[in-house]
Amino acid sequence: MKKYRSSYLLLALAAVFIVGFYSVDFQSKNASVISLPDFSSNTDIQKSEQKSTPTLSEFNDAIVDVAEKAKSTVVTVTVTQTVEARQNPLARFFGNPRDQQPEEFQRQGLGSGVIVSKDGYILTNNHVIEKADEVEVQLYNDKQYEAEVIGTDPRTDIAVLKIDADKLDVIKLGKNAKTRVGEMVLAIGSPLQPGLAHSVSMGIISAKDRSIGILEKQGGYENFLQTDAAINPGNSGGALINMDGELIGINSAIASRSGGSDGIGFAVPIDIAKRVMKSIIKNGRVVRAYLGIAGQDITPTLAKALELDSNRGIVVNQVSEDTPAEEAGLQEGDVIQKLNGKEILNYGNFRTNIATSSPGDEIQLHILRDGQMKKVSITLGELPNELAMDQQTTPDKTMKKQLGFRVQDLTPKIAQQLNLNRGQEGVVVAQISQQSEAYRQGLRQGHVITSVGNQSIADVSDFNDAINNLIEQEKDVVLLRVLAGENSRLVAFEL
């Protein structure tokens, strides 16, 4: 019996040796050749581990270095907004305009920004500064500057600021094509209050190409990076950076039930932000690419009806005349499945990719038509002006800052409230700052502006064009013809 037991033991040891041998041999064929170390000493193993595996302390130091270098490129953005408060909140706005001039007070908001050039250009979110009368920037070294709003793009929630400074620390811009789901990132900004400026939080990229509806509702473009790095109010406009210290996103929004960070944050990809910024600086406005189609997502039911293998891609519902799409031969009913070799997630994703390209870019589309796959090359055009009206470089808030007041169309109802003729044309002063030069020269809320200089004014569009012409001509005085009740008078003031 002992003999059999010895035999079984020898066979077991032999089996273990054989399995171990083939395991090593299998690994060597599928990876690299493994040379067995000398088990009589642990020196080789220790040296190998020391060379190939960084310690936790070294890993921590690397993150600290990335954060320390990036923090000096992130700024705190403080905005000041003039807000009206009425003594009688139930009074109608135009019931008695001369007696209802609202009181004003200043309200401040907080956001973040990222320095992208040594001479003072800063990226932030449009929603951070969109209602601001004044914008101030504080650097990492506590220096403060008044910032100029160079341009905004509500459709991507990006704004470009400029401060009068030079030799600033600048962050390196990354490329979103290299960004991977699961990679570690840092979010840097000023959450909640100025005293928490340059806070750093860490997480990973949770997802890419996210659409959450906050911009698309206003015809905007969404292609967010999702991250679980803690982002709170005040972080908007701040930096999302990778472990190479590169800026890969501008922190923009959170999904939260509490109003604070629930680990679902969204950032505008740097590729989009960079293109918007360059267009604003170069052209004074956002110049978008244009294809000329309208489409829709493919639902599982629609995919079944069209006899498609999957619901990826979009269906072309309309091809506009005299557009790049028509010239390239796109047709209603075409199923676009790929853009530049990449599968299309949905129509929103497709719109964003087209709109954030540049006019003149050539794209490749994979199109399914009548069961046949076609590859089409198209050179993108420029989005027509009438489709880009919300991209004016002198937005209402900027014009209000320059003039000191805001106007609106004179509707028949407002004309009746002001005891004016029903067919009276012009714009009515809806809001005016008591500190403005126009107010000091006698312009009041409820006054109707009928001309700017020698140009008659019928609506807000006419008024904006006339003021923009004065600005372009570098005029420093504005002459208005206004109706104050039944009386017509001139009001002149300096910009």
Protein backbone atom coordinates (compact mmCIF):
# COMPACT_ATOMS: atom_id res chain seq x y z
CA MET A 1 0.00 0.00 0.00
CA LYS A 2 2.85 2.38 0.87
CA LYS A 3 4.40 1.58 -2.50
CA TYR A 4 1.26 2.63 -4.34
CA ARG A 5 1.06 5.81 -2.27
CA SER A 6 4.67 6.67 -3.22
CA SER A 7 3.84 6.05 -6.85
CA TYR A 8 0.80 8.31 -6.66
CA LEU A 9 2.89 11.03 -5.03
CA LEU A 10 5.55 10.83 -7.74
CA LEU A 11 2.91 10.95 -10.47
CA ALA A 12 1.29 14.00 -8.84
CA LEU A 13 4.61 15.84 -8.61
CA ALA A 14 5.33 14.99 -12.24
CA ALA A 15 1.92 16.30 -13.29
CA VAL A 16 2.47 19.57 -11.42
CA PHE A 17 5.85 19.96 -13.08
CA ILE A 18 4.43 19.26 -16.55
CA VAL A 19 1.49 21.65 -16.08
CA GLY A 20 3.84 24.32 -14.77
CA PHE A 21 6.21 23.79 -17.71
CA TYR A 22 3.45 24.05 -20.33
CA SER A 23 1.97 27.08 -18.58
CA VAL A 24 5.26 28.90 -18.86
CA ASP A 25 5.72 27.75 -22.43
CA PHE A 26 2.17 28.87 -23.38
CA GLN A 27 2.80 32.33 -21.90
CA SER A 28 6.09 32.63 -23.69
CA LYS A 29 4.46 31.98 -27.07
CA ASN A 30 1.74 34.54 -26.46
CA ALA A 31 3.80 37.24 -24.77
CA SER A 32 7.58 37.30 -24.52
CA VAL A 33 10.16 34.64 -23.77
CA ILE A 34 10.37 34.05 -20.04
CA SER A 35 13.76 33.29 -18.53
CA LEU A 36 13.46 31.60 -15.15
CA PRO A 37 15.39 33.39 -12.39
CA ASP A 38 17.80 31.68 -10.04
CA PHE A 39 15.60 30.68 -7.10
CA SER A 40 18.64 30.38 -4.86
CA SER A 41 18.54 34.19 -4.51
CA ASN A 42 15.74 36.80 -4.37
CA THR A 43 18.03 39.57 -5.62
CA ASP A 44 17.01 39.28 -9.27
CA ILE A 45 13.31 39.26 -8.41
CA GLN A 46 13.65 42.33 -6.19
CA LYS A 47 15.61 44.23 -8.84
CA SER A 48 13.07 43.32 -11.53
CA GLU A 49 10.16 44.46 -9.40
CA GLN A 50 11.92 47.72 -8.49
CA LYS A 51 12.58 48.54 -12.14
CA SER A 52 9.18 47.67 -13.60
CA THR A 53 6.72 48.62 -10.85
CA PRO A 54 6.60 52.18 -9.51
CA THR A 55 5.88 52.53 -5.83
CA LEU A 56 2.69 54.06 -4.51
CA SER A 57 4.72 57.05 -3.34
CA GLU A 58 6.12 57.62 -6.84
CA PHE A 59 2.64 57.35 -8.34
CA ASN A 60 1.36 59.89 -5.84
CA ASP A 61 4.24 62.27 -6.58
CA ALA A 62 3.48 62.09 -10.30
CA ILE A 63 -0.14 63.18 -9.68
CA VAL A 64 1.02 65.98 -7.39
CA ASP A 65 3.41 67.24 -10.08
CA VAL A 66 0.65 67.27 -12.72
CA ALA A 67 -1.71 69.17 -10.42
CA GLU A 68 0.92 71.66 -9.32
CA LYS A 69 1.88 72.58 -12.88
CA ALA A 70 -1.72 72.92 -14.03
CA LYS A 71 -3.03 74.98 -11.10
CA SER A 72 -1.17 78.12 -12.15
CA THR A 73 -3.02 78.08 -15.51
CA VAL A 74 -6.50 78.00 -13.92
CA VAL A 75 -8.17 81.27 -12.93
CA THR A 76 -11.15 82.33 -10.86
CA VAL A 77 -13.75 84.27 -12.84
CA THR A 78 -15.95 86.68 -10.88
CA VAL A 79 -18.89 88.25 -12.70
CA THR A 80 -21.00 91.23 -11.66
CA GLN A 81 -24.54 91.63 -12.91
CA THR A 82 -26.87 94.58 -12.50
CA VAL A 83 -30.23 93.34 -11.28
CA GLU A 84 -33.46 95.29 -11.00
CA ALA A 85 -35.76 95.21 -7.98
CA ARG A 86 -39.18 96.83 -8.08
CA GLN A 87 -40.86 98.36 -5.10
CA ASN A 88 -44.20 97.15 -6.47
CA PRO A 89 -43.69 93.70 -8.02
CA LEU A 90 -47.34 93.56 -9.18
CA ALA A 91 -47.12 96.73 -11.27
CA ARG A 92 -47.19 96.20 -15.02
CA PHE A 93 -43.87 96.81 -16.70
CA PHE A 94 -45.13 99.59 -18.95
CA GLY A 95 -48.10 100.75 -16.88
CA ASN A 96 -46.43 104.07 -16.06
CA PRO A 97 -42.81 103.81 -17.20
CA ARG A 98 -41.65 107.20 -15.93
CA ASP A 99 -42.84 106.43 -12.41
CA GLN A 100 -41.67 102.83 -12.31
CA GLN A 101 -37.93 103.14 -12.87
CA PRO A 102 -36.67 100.07 -10.96
CA GLU A 103 -34.03 100.18 -8.30
CA GLU A 104 -30.77 98.43 -9.13
CA PHE A 105 -28.36 96.33 -7.13
CA GLN A 106 -25.24 94.36 -7.95
CA ARG A 107 -25.14 90.58 -7.87
CA GLN A 108 -21.97 88.54 -8.18
CA GLY A 109 -21.37 85.08 -9.58
CA LEU A 110 -18.40 82.76 -9.61
CA GLY A 111 -16.80 80.50 -12.18
CA SER A 112 -13.45 79.33 -13.46
CA GLY A 113 -11.32 79.66 -16.57
CA VAL A 114 -8.14 78.32 -18.16
CA ILE A 115 -5.25 80.35 -19.59
CA VAL A 116 -4.45 79.15 -23.11
CA SER A 117 -2.00 81.80 -24.33
CA LYS A 118 0.87 83.72 -22.77
CA ASP A 119 -0.70 87.05 -23.78
CA GLY A 120 -3.90 86.52 -21.82
CA TYR A 121 -6.52 84.55 -23.75
CA ILE A 122 -8.72 82.50 -21.42
CA LEU A 123 -11.27 79.76 -22.10
CA THR A 124 -14.39 79.52 -19.95
CA ASN A 125 -18.09 78.65 -20.26
CA ASN A 126 -20.59 80.93 -21.93
CA HIS A 127 -23.04 80.41 -19.07
CA VAL A 128 -20.46 81.73 -16.60
CA ILE A 129 -20.36 85.21 -18.17
CA GLU A 130 -23.54 85.45 -20.28
CA LYS A 131 -25.40 87.82 -17.94
CA ALA A 132 -22.37 89.73 -16.69
CA ASP A 133 -21.90 93.49 -16.86
CA GLU A 134 -18.34 93.16 -15.54
CA VAL A 135 -15.92 90.22 -15.61
CA GLU A 136 -12.89 90.00 -13.34
CA VAL A 137 -10.19 87.35 -13.37
CA GLN A 138 -7.96 86.35 -10.47
CA LEU A 139 -4.77 84.41 -11.16
CA TYR A 140 -3.09 81.74 -9.06
CA ASN A 141 -0.72 84.41 -7.69
CA ASP A 142 -3.76 86.49 -6.57
CA LYS A 143 -3.27 89.18 -9.22
CA GLN A 144 -6.57 90.51 -10.50
CA TYR A 145 -7.48 91.79 -13.95
CA GLU A 146 -10.58 93.15 -15.61
CA ALA A 147 -11.40 90.79 -18.47
CA GLU A 148 -12.75 91.62 -21.90
CA VAL A 149 -15.29 89.24 -23.44
CA ILE A 150 -13.82 88.56 -26.89
CA GLY A 151 -16.69 86.37 -28.00
CA THR A 152 -19.19 83.75 -26.91
CA ASP A 153 -20.80 80.67 -28.38
CA PRO A 154 -23.98 79.65 -26.57
CA ARG A 155 -24.36 76.63 -28.86
CA THR A 156 -21.27 74.94 -27.38
CA ASP A 157 -21.23 76.84 -24.05
CA ILE A 158 -17.78 78.29 -24.75
CA ALA A 159 -16.60 81.86 -24.20
CA VAL A 160 -13.23 83.53 -24.81
CA LEU A 161 -11.89 86.19 -22.43
CA LYS A 162 -8.80 88.39 -22.69
CA ILE A 163 -6.80 90.08 -19.95
CA ASP A 164 -4.05 92.67 -20.39
CA ALA A 165 -1.11 90.55 -19.26
CA ASP A 166 1.83 88.68 -20.72
CA LYS A 167 4.28 85.90 -19.91
CA LEU A 168 1.50 83.90 -18.28
CA ASP A 169 1.67 80.21 -17.50
CA VAL A 170 -0.12 78.31 -20.24
CA ILE A 171 -1.64 74.84 -20.20
CA LYS A 172 -0.88 72.41 -23.02
CA LEU A 173 -3.91 71.47 -25.13
CA GLY A 174 -4.55 67.78 -25.60
CA LYS A 175 -6.38 65.83 -28.31
CA ASN A 176 -9.67 64.11 -27.63
CA ALA A 177 -8.97 61.33 -30.11
CA LYS A 178 -6.42 60.04 -27.58
CA THR A 179 -8.78 60.32 -24.62
CA ARG A 180 -9.91 56.91 -23.39
CA VAL A 181 -12.76 55.82 -21.16
CA GLY A 182 -11.27 54.77 -17.83
CA GLU A 183 -8.20 57.00 -17.91
CA MET A 184 -7.49 59.11 -14.84
CA VAL A 185 -8.21 62.85 -14.93
CA LEU A 186 -8.04 65.87 -12.62
CA ALA A 187 -10.65 68.64 -12.40
CA ILE A 188 -9.37 72.04 -11.27
CA GLY A 189 -11.49 75.08 -10.51
CA SER A 190 -13.14 77.30 -7.90
CA PRO A 191 -16.10 75.40 -6.45
CA LEU A 192 -18.75 77.13 -4.36
CA GLN A 193 -16.78 80.19 -3.16
CA PRO A 194 -13.62 82.22 -3.95
CA GLY A 195 -11.88 80.86 -0.86
CA LEU A 196 -11.84 77.40 -2.45
CA ALA A 197 -10.07 78.51 -5.63
CA HIS A 198 -7.79 76.04 -7.43
CA SER A 199 -9.36 73.00 -5.79
CA VAL A 200 -8.26 69.72 -7.36
CA SER A 201 -10.39 66.59 -7.59
CA MET A 202 -9.51 63.27 -9.22
CA GLY A 203 -11.50 60.70 -11.13
CA ILE A 204 -11.69 58.94 -14.47
CA ILE A 205 -13.30 59.49 -17.85
CA SER A 206 -16.62 57.70 -17.37
CA ALA A 207 -17.86 58.03 -20.96
CA LYS A 208 -17.40 59.98 -24.20
CA ASP A 209 -19.77 61.51 -26.76
CA ARG A 210 -22.50 62.21 -24.22
CA SER A 211 -25.62 64.20 -25.14
CA ILE A 212 -27.65 65.41 -22.14
CA GLY A 213 -30.06 67.87 -23.74
CA ILE A 214 -29.12 71.13 -22.02
CA LEU A 215 -27.68 72.70 -25.19
CA GLU A 216 -29.59 70.77 -27.85
CA LYS A 217 -32.86 72.25 -26.58
CA GLN A 218 -31.62 75.64 -27.83
CA GLY A 219 -30.27 74.21 -31.07
CA GLY A 220 -26.82 73.72 -29.59
CA TYR A 221 -24.21 71.01 -29.99
CA GLU A 222 -23.29 68.42 -27.38
CA ASN A 223 -20.51 65.88 -27.36
CA PHE A 224 -19.54 65.93 -23.69
CA LEU A 225 -16.86 64.00 -21.85
CA GLN A 226 -18.36 62.45 -18.72
CA THR A 227 -16.25 62.21 -15.56
CA ASP A 228 -16.70 61.21 -11.93
CA ALA A 229 -14.10 63.75 -10.77
CA ALA A 230 -15.94 65.99 -8.28
CA ILE A 231 -17.40 69.07 -10.04
CA ASN A 232 -19.51 71.60 -8.15
CA PRO A 233 -21.04 75.02 -8.91
CA GLY A 234 -18.11 77.37 -9.50
CA ASN A 235 -16.10 74.70 -11.30
CA SER A 236 -17.77 75.71 -14.57
CA GLY A 237 -15.18 76.90 -17.07
CA GLY A 238 -12.36 75.14 -15.22
CA ALA A 239 -9.88 72.57 -16.45
CA LEU A 240 -10.24 68.84 -16.97
CA ILE A 241 -6.72 67.51 -17.49
CA ASN A 242 -5.16 64.12 -18.16
CA MET A 243 -2.15 62.56 -16.49
CA ASP A 244 0.14 64.19 -19.05
CA GLY A 245 -0.98 67.58 -17.75
CA GLU A 246 -2.90 68.34 -20.96
CA LEU A 247 -6.21 70.18 -21.08
CA ILE A 248 -8.79 67.77 -22.52
CA GLY A 249 -12.02 69.50 -21.50
CA ILE A 250 -13.73 72.59 -20.09
CA ASN A 251 -15.89 71.57 -17.13
CA SER A 252 -19.43 72.64 -17.92
CA ALA A 253 -22.25 70.80 -16.15
CA ILE A 254 -23.27 68.22 -13.59
CA ALA A 255 -26.16 65.79 -13.26
CA SER A 256 -27.24 66.01 -9.64
CA ARG A 257 -30.27 65.51 -7.43
CA SER A 258 -28.72 67.50 -4.60
CA GLY A 259 -27.20 70.39 -6.56
CA GLY A 260 -23.70 69.21 -5.63
CA SER A 261 -21.39 66.59 -7.07
CA ASP A 262 -22.97 63.17 -7.46
CA GLY A 263 -20.06 61.90 -9.54
CA ILE A 264 -21.64 62.70 -12.91
CA GLY A 265 -19.92 65.70 -14.45
CA PHE A 266 -19.64 66.84 -18.05
CA ALA A 267 -16.92 68.75 -19.90
CA VAL A 268 -16.82 70.31 -23.35
CA PRO A 269 -14.10 68.41 -25.27
CA ILE A 270 -11.01 70.50 -25.95
CA ASP A 271 -11.19 69.82 -29.70
CA ILE A 272 -14.54 71.64 -29.81
CA ALA A 273 -13.46 74.43 -27.45
CA LYS A 274 -10.24 75.00 -29.40
CA ARG A 275 -12.00 75.33 -32.76
CA VAL A 276 -14.57 77.74 -31.34
CA MET A 277 -11.83 79.82 -29.72
CA LYS A 278 -9.73 80.03 -32.88
CA SER A 279 -12.75 81.03 -34.95
CA ILE A 280 -13.75 83.77 -32.50
CA ILE A 281 -10.23 85.20 -32.34
CA LYS A 282 -9.62 84.98 -36.10
CA ASN A 283 -13.05 85.92 -37.48
CA GLY A 284 -14.66 87.77 -34.62
CA ARG A 285 -17.44 85.18 -34.63
CA VAL A 286 -17.96 81.44 -34.76
CA VAL A 287 -17.75 80.19 -38.34
CA ARG A 288 -19.38 76.78 -38.58
CA ALA A 289 -19.25 74.09 -41.20
CA TYR A 290 -22.44 73.19 -43.07
CA LEU A 291 -23.65 70.02 -44.79
CA GLY A 292 -27.28 70.81 -45.61
CA ILE A 293 -29.37 67.88 -44.39
CA ALA A 294 -32.00 67.18 -41.75
CA GLY A 295 -32.14 63.72 -40.25
CA GLN A 296 -33.36 61.56 -37.40
CA ASP A 297 -32.20 58.77 -35.14
CA ILE A 298 -32.85 55.15 -36.08
CA THR A 299 -35.01 53.44 -33.47
CA PRO A 300 -35.15 49.64 -33.24
CA THR A 301 -38.62 49.73 -34.82
CA LEU A 302 -37.43 51.96 -37.66
CA ALA A 303 -34.39 49.72 -38.19
CA LYS A 304 -36.72 46.73 -38.50
CA ALA A 305 -38.96 48.57 -40.96
CA LEU A 306 -35.95 49.57 -43.08
CA GLU A 307 -34.52 46.04 -42.81
CA LEU A 308 -31.31 47.26 -41.21
CA ASP A 309 -28.97 45.05 -39.23
CA SER A 310 -28.58 47.62 -36.42
CA ASN A 311 -30.00 50.94 -35.26
CA ARG A 312 -26.67 52.77 -35.51
CA GLY A 313 -26.60 55.76 -37.82
CA ILE A 314 -29.15 58.32 -39.00
CA VAL A 315 -31.78 58.56 -41.73
CA VAL A 316 -31.67 61.55 -44.10
CA ASN A 317 -35.11 63.21 -44.10
CA GLN A 318 -34.32 66.29 -46.15
CA VAL A 319 -31.56 67.56 -48.43
CA SER A 320 -31.54 71.35 -48.85
CA GLU A 321 -30.98 72.92 -52.24
CA ASP A 322 -27.63 74.37 -53.26
CA THR A 323 -25.79 72.73 -50.37
CA PRO A 324 -22.73 70.49 -50.16
CA ALA A 325 -25.06 67.54 -49.46
CA GLU A 326 -27.04 68.10 -52.66
CA GLU A 327 -23.89 68.59 -54.72
CA ALA A 328 -22.52 65.30 -53.39
CA GLY A 329 -25.72 63.47 -54.36
CA LEU A 330 -27.19 62.69 -50.94
CA GLN A 331 -30.85 61.71 -51.09
CA GLU A 332 -33.82 61.45 -48.78
CA GLY A 333 -33.93 57.97 -47.27
CA ASP A 334 -30.16 57.51 -47.26
CA VAL A 335 -28.87 55.88 -44.08
CA ILE A 336 -25.59 57.46 -42.97
CA GLN A 337 -23.78 54.89 -40.83
CA LYS A 338 -20.25 56.25 -40.54
CA LEU A 339 -18.55 59.65 -40.50
CA ASN A 340 -14.83 59.58 -41.30
CA GLY A 341 -14.74 55.86 -40.58
CA LYS A 342 -16.38 56.18 -37.15
CA GLU A 343 -19.84 54.83 -36.36
CA ILE A 344 -22.48 57.51 -35.81
CA LEU A 345 -24.13 57.25 -32.40
CA ASN A 346 -27.17 59.47 -33.06
CA TYR A 347 -28.29 62.56 -34.96
CA GLY A 348 -27.15 64.94 -32.21
CA ASN A 349 -23.68 63.43 -32.32
CA PHE A 350 -23.61 63.78 -36.12
CA ARG A 351 -24.77 67.45 -36.00
CA THR A 352 -22.09 68.28 -33.44
CA ASN A 353 -19.32 66.69 -35.48
CA ILE A 354 -20.35 68.60 -38.60
CA ALA A 355 -20.92 71.95 -36.87
CA THR A 356 -17.61 71.83 -35.00
CA SER A 357 -15.66 71.14 -38.18
CA SER A 358 -14.34 73.96 -40.36
CA PRO A 359 -15.70 75.11 -43.73
CA GLY A 360 -13.59 73.51 -46.44
CA ASP A 361 -12.96 70.32 -44.47
CA GLU A 362 -13.49 67.13 -46.47
CA ILE A 363 -15.50 64.38 -44.80
CA GLN A 364 -16.12 60.76 -45.71
CA LEU A 365 -19.60 59.28 -45.28
CA HIS A 366 -20.57 55.61 -45.44
CA ILE A 367 -24.14 55.56 -46.81
CA LEU A 368 -26.55 52.66 -47.15
CA ARG A 369 -28.89 53.14 -50.14
CA ASP A 370 -31.12 50.42 -51.60
CA GLY A 371 -29.18 47.77 -49.73
CA GLN A 372 -25.84 48.91 -51.18
CA MET A 373 -23.07 50.58 -49.17
CA LYS A 374 -21.60 53.71 -50.77
CA LYS A 375 -18.66 55.86 -49.71
CA VAL A 376 -19.12 59.57 -50.41
CA SER A 377 -16.59 62.40 -50.07
CA ILE A 378 -18.02 65.85 -49.32
CA THR A 379 -16.37 69.23 -48.86
CA LEU A 380 -18.23 71.12 -46.15
CA GLY A 381 -19.51 74.65 -46.74
CA GLU A 382 -20.12 77.51 -44.30
CA LEU A 383 -23.30 77.77 -42.25
CA PRO A 384 -25.40 80.56 -43.82
CA ASN A 385 -25.84 83.75 -41.80
CA GLU A 386 -29.58 83.33 -41.47
CA LEU A 387 -29.00 79.99 -39.73
CA ALA A 388 -26.41 81.44 -37.38
CA MET A 389 -28.22 84.50 -36.01
CA ASP A 390 -27.49 83.57 -32.41
CA GLN A 391 -23.76 83.75 -33.07
CA GLN A 392 -23.50 87.55 -33.19
CA THR A 393 -20.21 88.74 -31.75
CA THR A 394 -21.87 91.74 -30.13
CA PRO A 395 -24.56 89.99 -28.07
CA ASP A 396 -27.31 91.86 -26.27
CA LYS A 397 -25.45 91.78 -22.97
CA THR A 398 -22.31 93.27 -24.53
CA MET A 399 -24.31 96.00 -26.25
CA LYS A 400 -26.06 96.79 -22.99
CA LYS A 401 -22.69 97.16 -21.31
CA GLN A 402 -21.54 99.61 -23.97
CA LEU A 403 -24.78 101.61 -24.09
CA GLY A 404 -26.00 101.26 -20.55
CA PHE A 405 -29.50 100.23 -21.61
CA ARG A 406 -31.47 97.49 -23.35
CA VAL A 407 -34.27 97.80 -25.91
CA GLN A 408 -37.11 95.64 -27.18
CA ASP A 409 -39.55 95.77 -30.10
CA LEU A 410 -42.42 98.23 -29.85
CA THR A 411 -45.41 95.92 -30.06
CA PRO A 412 -48.99 97.21 -30.57
CA LYS A 413 -49.77 96.30 -26.97
CA ILE A 414 -46.84 98.31 -25.60
CA ALA A 415 -47.69 101.21 -27.94
CA GLN A 416 -51.23 101.22 -26.51
CA GLN A 417 -49.90 101.25 -22.94
CA LEU A 418 -47.68 104.22 -23.82
CA ASN A 419 -50.60 106.05 -25.53
CA LEU A 420 -48.86 105.98 -28.93
CA ASN A 421 -50.30 105.53 -32.39
CA ARG A 422 -50.89 101.87 -33.21
CA GLY A 423 -48.65 102.02 -36.27
CA GLN A 424 -45.77 103.76 -34.50
CA GLU A 425 -42.40 102.17 -35.30
CA GLY A 426 -39.30 102.07 -33.13
CA VAL A 427 -37.85 100.29 -30.13
CA VAL A 428 -38.70 100.90 -26.51
CA VAL A 429 -36.14 101.27 -23.73
CA ALA A 430 -36.86 98.23 -21.57
CA GLN A 431 -34.06 98.62 -19.05
CA ILE A 432 -31.50 101.35 -18.33
CA SER A 433 -28.76 101.73 -15.74
CA GLN A 434 -29.00 104.86 -13.61
CA GLN A 435 -25.20 105.05 -13.73
CA SER A 436 -25.11 105.16 -17.53
CA GLU A 437 -24.24 108.21 -19.64
CA ALA A 438 -27.50 107.76 -21.57
CA TYR A 439 -29.49 108.05 -18.33
CA ARG A 440 -27.59 111.18 -17.31
CA GLN A 441 -28.47 112.71 -20.70
CA GLY A 442 -32.17 112.11 -20.15
CA LEU A 443 -32.97 108.70 -21.66
CA ARG A 444 -35.49 106.79 -19.57
CA GLN A 445 -37.21 103.46 -19.43
CA GLY A 446 -40.32 103.63 -21.62
CA HIS A 447 -38.85 106.10 -24.10
CA VAL A 448 -39.28 105.02 -27.72
CA ILE A 449 -36.23 105.32 -30.00
CA THR A 450 -37.30 106.11 -33.56
CA SER A 451 -33.91 106.81 -35.15
CA VAL A 452 -30.16 106.43 -34.57
CA GLY A 453 -28.37 109.28 -36.30
CA ASN A 454 -30.08 109.59 -39.67
CA GLN A 455 -31.26 105.97 -39.76
CA SER A 456 -34.91 105.24 -38.99
CA ILE A 457 -35.51 102.39 -36.57
CA ALA A 458 -38.36 99.92 -37.01
CA ASP A 459 -37.28 97.09 -34.72
CA VAL A 460 -34.46 95.71 -32.57
CA SER A 461 -32.62 94.35 -35.60
CA ASP A 462 -32.46 97.86 -37.12
CA PHE A 463 -31.28 99.29 -33.81
CA ASN A 464 -28.53 96.69 -33.40
CA ASP A 465 -27.33 97.22 -36.98
CA ALA A 466 -27.20 101.00 -36.49
CA ILE A 467 -25.25 100.75 -33.22
CA ASN A 468 -22.87 98.15 -34.67
CA ASN A 469 -22.19 100.47 -37.62
CA LEU A 470 -21.25 103.25 -35.20
CA ILE A 471 -18.94 100.90 -33.32
CA GLU A 472 -17.29 99.69 -36.53
CA GLN A 473 -16.78 103.31 -37.60
CA GLU A 474 -15.24 103.97 -34.16
CA LYS A 475 -17.78 106.67 -33.41
CA ASP A 476 -17.80 107.72 -29.76
CA VAL A 477 -21.10 109.64 -29.71
CA VAL A 478 -24.62 108.27 -30.27
CA LEU A 479 -27.49 110.53 -31.36
CA LEU A 480 -31.01 109.24 -30.77
CA ARG A 481 -34.43 110.60 -31.71
CA VAL A 482 -36.82 109.51 -28.97
CA LEU A 483 -40.52 109.81 -28.15
CA ALA A 484 -41.27 110.65 -24.52
CA GLY A 485 -45.01 110.52 -24.33
CA GLU A 486 -46.27 112.81 -27.09
CA ASN A 487 -43.02 114.77 -27.25
CA SER A 488 -40.15 114.07 -29.63
CA ARG A 489 -36.63 115.03 -28.62
CA LEU A 490 -32.95 114.31 -29.27
CA VAL A 491 -30.71 112.49 -26.84
CA ALA A 492 -26.95 112.41 -27.37
CA PHE A 493 -24.46 110.51 -25.24
CA GLU A 494 -20.94 109.11 -25.40
CA LEU A 495 -20.26 105.40 -25.59
